[in-house]
N, C-alpha and C. Protein backbone atom coordinates (compact mmCIF):
# COMPACT_ATOMS: atom_id res chain seq x y z
N MET A 1 -104.01 -182.71 102.39
CA MET A 1 -102.82 -182.82 102.05
C MET A 1 -102.36 -184.06 102.78
N THR A 2 -101.99 -185.28 102.43
CA THR A 2 -101.77 -186.32 102.79
C THR A 2 -100.29 -186.35 103.63
N MET A 3 -100.05 -187.10 104.38
CA MET A 3 -98.49 -187.22 105.38
C MET A 3 -97.56 -187.58 104.08
N LEU A 4 -97.80 -187.99 103.10
CA LEU A 4 -96.90 -188.58 102.16
C LEU A 4 -96.49 -187.05 101.24
N GLU A 5 -97.52 -186.53 100.84
CA GLU A 5 -97.53 -185.38 100.23
C GLU A 5 -96.69 -184.25 101.03
N SER A 6 -97.00 -184.14 102.09
CA SER A 6 -96.52 -183.39 103.23
C SER A 6 -94.81 -183.50 103.06
N PHE A 7 -94.32 -184.83 103.48
CA PHE A 7 -93.07 -185.18 103.49
C PHE A 7 -92.53 -184.68 102.41
N LYS A 8 -93.28 -185.20 100.89
CA LYS A 8 -92.44 -184.83 99.82
C LYS A 8 -92.09 -183.34 99.39
N ALA A 9 -93.11 -182.38 100.01
CA ALA A 9 -92.92 -181.15 99.69
C ALA A 9 -92.01 -180.38 100.83
N GLU A 10 -92.12 -181.36 101.96
CA GLU A 10 -91.08 -180.68 102.90
C GLU A 10 -89.30 -181.25 102.43
N ASN A 11 -89.34 -182.39 101.91
CA ASN A 11 -88.17 -183.01 101.35
C ASN A 11 -87.64 -181.82 99.87
N SER A 12 -88.70 -181.73 99.39
CA SER A 12 -88.26 -180.81 98.24
C SER A 12 -87.72 -179.34 98.69
N GLN A 13 -88.40 -178.95 99.52
CA GLN A 13 -88.11 -177.46 99.97
C GLN A 13 -86.53 -177.69 100.90
N LEU A 14 -86.37 -178.82 101.49
CA LEU A 14 -84.67 -179.14 102.15
C LEU A 14 -84.02 -179.22 101.11
N THR A 15 -84.11 -179.91 100.03
CA THR A 15 -83.48 -180.40 98.71
C THR A 15 -82.81 -178.78 98.34
N PHE A 16 -84.27 -178.19 97.90
CA PHE A 16 -84.15 -176.48 97.38
C PHE A 16 -82.94 -175.79 98.51
N GLU A 17 -83.06 -175.85 99.63
CA GLU A 17 -82.33 -175.12 100.69
C GLU A 17 -81.12 -175.56 100.61
N MET A 18 -80.73 -176.83 100.82
CA MET A 18 -79.57 -177.48 100.56
C MET A 18 -78.76 -176.99 99.15
N GLY A 19 -79.45 -176.99 98.10
CA GLY A 19 -78.87 -176.60 96.81
C GLY A 19 -78.71 -174.87 97.28
N GLU A 20 -79.25 -174.24 97.71
CA GLU A 20 -78.92 -172.55 98.16
C GLU A 20 -77.64 -172.87 98.97
N LYS A 21 -77.82 -173.61 99.84
CA LYS A 21 -76.07 -173.47 101.20
C LYS A 21 -75.05 -173.88 100.06
N ASP A 22 -75.18 -174.81 99.16
CA ASP A 22 -74.07 -175.39 98.51
C ASP A 22 -73.60 -174.26 97.59
N VAL A 23 -75.04 -173.49 96.96
CA VAL A 23 -74.29 -172.42 96.02
C VAL A 23 -73.38 -171.41 97.03
N GLU A 24 -74.00 -170.89 98.24
CA GLU A 24 -73.48 -169.91 99.24
C GLU A 24 -71.99 -170.51 99.49
N ILE A 25 -71.84 -171.78 99.90
CA ILE A 25 -70.49 -172.29 99.91
C ILE A 25 -69.36 -172.05 98.84
N ASP A 26 -70.12 -172.51 97.65
CA ASP A 26 -69.10 -172.24 96.56
C ASP A 26 -68.66 -170.63 96.12
N ARG A 27 -69.84 -169.93 96.65
CA ARG A 27 -69.19 -168.56 96.32
C ARG A 27 -67.98 -168.22 97.40
N MET A 28 -68.39 -168.69 98.82
CA MET A 28 -67.58 -168.21 100.07
C MET A 28 -65.90 -168.84 99.49
N LYS A 29 -66.10 -170.07 98.82
CA LYS A 29 -64.73 -170.76 98.46
C LYS A 29 -63.86 -169.81 97.62
N THR A 30 -64.83 -169.37 96.26
CA THR A 30 -64.50 -168.37 95.52
C THR A 30 -63.91 -167.11 96.25
N THR A 31 -64.49 -166.69 96.81
CA THR A 31 -64.36 -165.20 97.66
C THR A 31 -62.79 -165.47 98.42
N LEU A 32 -62.81 -166.42 99.38
CA LEU A 32 -61.75 -166.93 100.18
C LEU A 32 -60.49 -166.90 99.12
N PHE A 33 -60.75 -167.88 97.95
CA PHE A 33 -59.51 -168.20 97.03
C PHE A 33 -59.07 -166.65 96.40
N ALA A 34 -59.91 -165.84 95.95
CA ALA A 34 -59.64 -164.48 95.53
C ALA A 34 -58.82 -163.86 96.77
N LEU A 35 -59.17 -163.78 97.90
CA LEU A 35 -58.58 -163.08 98.90
C LEU A 35 -57.44 -163.34 99.29
N ASN A 36 -57.33 -164.89 98.97
CA ASN A 36 -55.72 -165.40 99.40
C ASN A 36 -54.73 -164.87 98.20
N SER A 37 -55.53 -165.19 97.13
CA SER A 37 -54.76 -164.53 96.09
C SER A 37 -53.90 -163.13 96.25
N LYS A 38 -55.36 -162.29 96.57
CA LYS A 38 -54.94 -160.88 96.65
C LYS A 38 -53.82 -160.73 97.53
N LEU A 39 -53.95 -161.65 98.96
CA LEU A 39 -53.19 -161.43 100.18
C LEU A 39 -51.46 -161.61 99.34
N GLN A 40 -51.34 -163.13 99.01
CA GLN A 40 -50.53 -163.15 98.13
C GLN A 40 -49.59 -162.22 97.19
N GLN A 41 -50.29 -161.43 96.30
CA GLN A 41 -49.74 -160.55 95.86
C GLN A 41 -49.41 -159.29 96.75
N TRP A 42 -49.90 -158.77 97.52
CA TRP A 42 -49.53 -157.91 98.28
C TRP A 42 -48.39 -158.10 99.30
N GLU A 43 -48.31 -159.56 99.68
CA GLU A 43 -47.17 -159.98 100.50
C GLU A 43 -45.66 -159.87 99.65
N GLU A 44 -45.91 -159.96 97.86
CA GLU A 44 -45.03 -159.96 97.24
C GLU A 44 -44.51 -158.76 96.81
N MET A 45 -45.84 -157.60 96.69
CA MET A 45 -44.90 -156.36 96.50
C MET A 45 -44.55 -155.55 97.73
N LYS A 46 -44.85 -155.90 99.21
CA LYS A 46 -44.29 -155.65 100.11
C LYS A 46 -42.84 -156.41 100.42
N SER A 47 -42.90 -157.50 100.00
CA SER A 47 -41.27 -157.88 100.17
C SER A 47 -40.35 -157.00 98.94
N LYS A 48 -41.09 -157.17 97.72
CA LYS A 48 -40.16 -156.40 96.76
C LYS A 48 -39.99 -154.86 97.44
N CYS A 49 -40.77 -154.14 97.84
CA CYS A 49 -40.42 -152.79 98.18
C CYS A 49 -39.23 -152.79 99.30
N SER A 50 -39.35 -153.64 100.20
CA SER A 50 -38.32 -153.82 101.38
C SER A 50 -36.87 -154.05 100.47
N SER A 51 -37.25 -154.93 99.66
CA SER A 51 -35.88 -155.20 98.80
C SER A 51 -35.39 -154.26 98.28
N SER A 52 -36.36 -153.26 97.69
CA SER A 52 -35.88 -152.31 96.69
C SER A 52 -35.18 -150.96 97.96
N ALA A 53 -35.88 -150.96 99.16
CA ALA A 53 -35.55 -150.26 99.93
C ALA A 53 -34.05 -150.19 100.74
N GLU A 54 -33.76 -151.58 100.61
CA GLU A 54 -32.65 -151.98 101.29
C GLU A 54 -31.63 -151.60 99.97
N SER A 55 -31.76 -151.95 98.84
CA SER A 55 -30.60 -151.87 97.75
C SER A 55 -30.75 -150.24 97.56
N LEU A 56 -31.72 -149.55 97.80
CA LEU A 56 -31.30 -148.14 97.68
C LEU A 56 -30.37 -147.35 98.75
N ASP A 57 -30.83 -148.02 99.92
CA ASP A 57 -29.78 -147.92 101.08
C ASP A 57 -28.37 -148.18 100.94
N LEU A 58 -28.11 -149.42 100.33
CA LEU A 58 -27.28 -149.59 99.88
C LEU A 58 -26.03 -148.96 98.57
N SER A 59 -26.98 -148.64 97.55
CA SER A 59 -26.77 -147.82 96.78
C SER A 59 -26.26 -146.36 97.05
N GLU A 60 -26.97 -145.66 98.04
CA GLU A 60 -26.35 -144.29 98.82
C GLU A 60 -25.21 -144.42 99.70
N GLN A 61 -25.31 -145.43 99.97
CA GLN A 61 -23.76 -145.75 101.02
C GLN A 61 -22.91 -146.00 100.13
N LYS A 62 -22.92 -146.90 98.96
CA LYS A 62 -21.67 -146.96 98.10
C LYS A 62 -21.52 -145.39 97.14
N ARG A 63 -22.60 -144.72 97.03
CA ARG A 63 -22.18 -143.49 96.24
C ARG A 63 -21.54 -142.33 97.22
N GLY A 64 -21.72 -142.68 98.59
CA GLY A 64 -21.09 -141.81 99.35
C GLY A 64 -19.68 -142.38 99.52
N GLU A 65 -19.36 -143.40 99.66
CA GLU A 65 -17.83 -144.02 99.55
C GLU A 65 -17.27 -143.52 98.32
N LEU A 66 -17.95 -143.68 97.25
CA LEU A 66 -17.28 -143.25 95.64
C LEU A 66 -17.00 -141.85 95.55
N GLN A 67 -17.76 -140.89 96.23
CA GLN A 67 -17.86 -139.33 96.66
C GLN A 67 -16.28 -139.10 97.53
N ASP A 68 -16.79 -139.83 98.49
CA ASP A 68 -15.26 -139.65 99.25
C ASP A 68 -14.09 -139.78 98.64
N HIS A 69 -14.14 -141.30 97.82
CA HIS A 69 -12.89 -141.53 97.13
C HIS A 69 -12.65 -140.63 95.91
N LEU A 70 -13.31 -140.13 95.52
CA LEU A 70 -12.96 -139.06 94.35
C LEU A 70 -12.83 -137.82 94.93
N LYS A 71 -13.04 -137.35 96.23
CA LYS A 71 -12.67 -136.42 96.90
C LYS A 71 -11.38 -136.15 97.15
N ASP A 72 -10.67 -137.65 97.81
CA ASP A 72 -9.86 -137.86 98.03
C ASP A 72 -8.65 -138.00 97.01
N ALA A 73 -9.20 -138.59 96.25
CA ALA A 73 -8.23 -138.94 94.80
C ALA A 73 -7.84 -137.29 93.99
N GLY A 74 -8.67 -136.36 94.09
CA GLY A 74 -8.64 -135.28 93.57
C GLY A 74 -7.70 -134.66 94.39
N LEU A 75 -7.48 -134.57 95.89
CA LEU A 75 -6.65 -133.72 96.85
C LEU A 75 -5.43 -134.42 96.28
N LYS A 76 -5.45 -135.86 96.07
CA LYS A 76 -3.93 -136.77 96.13
C LYS A 76 -3.20 -135.84 94.73
N VAL A 77 -4.04 -135.87 93.60
CA VAL A 77 -3.88 -135.25 92.37
C VAL A 77 -3.37 -133.81 92.47
N SER A 78 -4.05 -133.13 93.28
CA SER A 78 -3.69 -131.68 93.43
C SER A 78 -2.39 -131.43 94.07
N SER A 79 -2.34 -132.36 95.03
CA SER A 79 -1.03 -132.33 95.95
C SER A 79 0.33 -132.92 94.94
N ASP A 80 0.05 -133.91 94.24
CA ASP A 80 1.14 -134.25 93.55
C ASP A 80 1.42 -133.23 92.46
N SER A 81 0.19 -132.70 91.90
CA SER A 81 0.75 -131.61 90.65
C SER A 81 1.33 -130.60 91.37
N GLN A 82 1.18 -130.26 92.92
CA GLN A 82 1.87 -128.99 93.05
C GLN A 82 3.42 -129.59 93.46
N MET A 83 3.71 -130.74 93.93
CA MET A 83 4.61 -131.17 94.34
C MET A 83 5.60 -131.37 92.94
N HIS A 84 4.89 -132.04 91.70
CA HIS A 84 5.56 -132.23 90.59
C HIS A 84 6.37 -130.64 90.14
N SER A 85 5.27 -129.46 90.31
CA SER A 85 5.61 -127.94 89.44
C SER A 85 6.81 -127.64 90.47
N SER A 86 7.01 -127.78 91.84
CA SER A 86 8.05 -127.73 92.44
C SER A 86 9.29 -128.18 92.21
N LYS A 87 8.97 -129.66 91.95
CA LYS A 87 10.28 -130.34 91.39
C LYS A 87 10.50 -129.82 90.03
N LYS A 88 9.92 -129.47 89.10
CA LYS A 88 10.11 -129.00 88.07
C LYS A 88 10.92 -127.48 88.15
N GLU A 89 10.45 -126.90 89.15
CA GLU A 89 11.24 -125.65 88.84
C GLU A 89 12.64 -125.73 89.98
N GLU A 90 12.38 -126.69 90.43
CA GLU A 90 14.09 -127.05 91.24
C GLU A 90 15.01 -127.37 89.87
N LEU A 91 14.24 -128.12 89.12
CA LEU A 91 15.23 -128.76 88.13
C LEU A 91 15.50 -127.84 87.10
N ILE A 92 14.79 -126.92 86.87
CA ILE A 92 14.77 -126.04 85.80
C ILE A 92 16.04 -125.02 86.39
N ALA A 93 15.94 -124.64 88.01
CA ALA A 93 16.73 -123.76 88.38
C ALA A 93 18.09 -124.34 88.55
N HIS A 94 18.10 -125.70 88.88
CA HIS A 94 19.38 -126.39 88.45
C HIS A 94 20.09 -126.57 87.25
N ILE A 95 19.26 -126.62 86.05
CA ILE A 95 19.91 -126.80 84.71
C ILE A 95 20.38 -125.25 84.53
N ALA A 96 19.69 -124.32 84.96
CA ALA A 96 20.09 -122.93 84.72
C ALA A 96 21.61 -122.62 85.28
N ASP A 97 21.66 -123.16 86.58
CA ASP A 97 22.94 -122.90 87.19
C ASP A 97 24.13 -123.64 86.35
N LEU A 98 23.78 -124.91 85.67
CA LEU A 98 25.02 -125.44 84.68
C LEU A 98 25.35 -124.90 83.85
């Protein structure tokens, strides 16, 4: 084999190896893009989860406030009812006296 043939064979081998490296680089780029996409989706889900947890906490707080308000309103209605009943009895007694 002559020197020129040797150089051509080596050049062909190097060209082939460079082609393989280009393919490997393209595969790595594709993998990196896919992983970045999955990371972005994971970050979005994590953000939504945090937002949902905050919303749930606020909802529970408001539910507790509403429950307290309803309890207070019920006590007031009961108190007002007793007051009106006693006032009604006083008026009935006053009417009977007349």
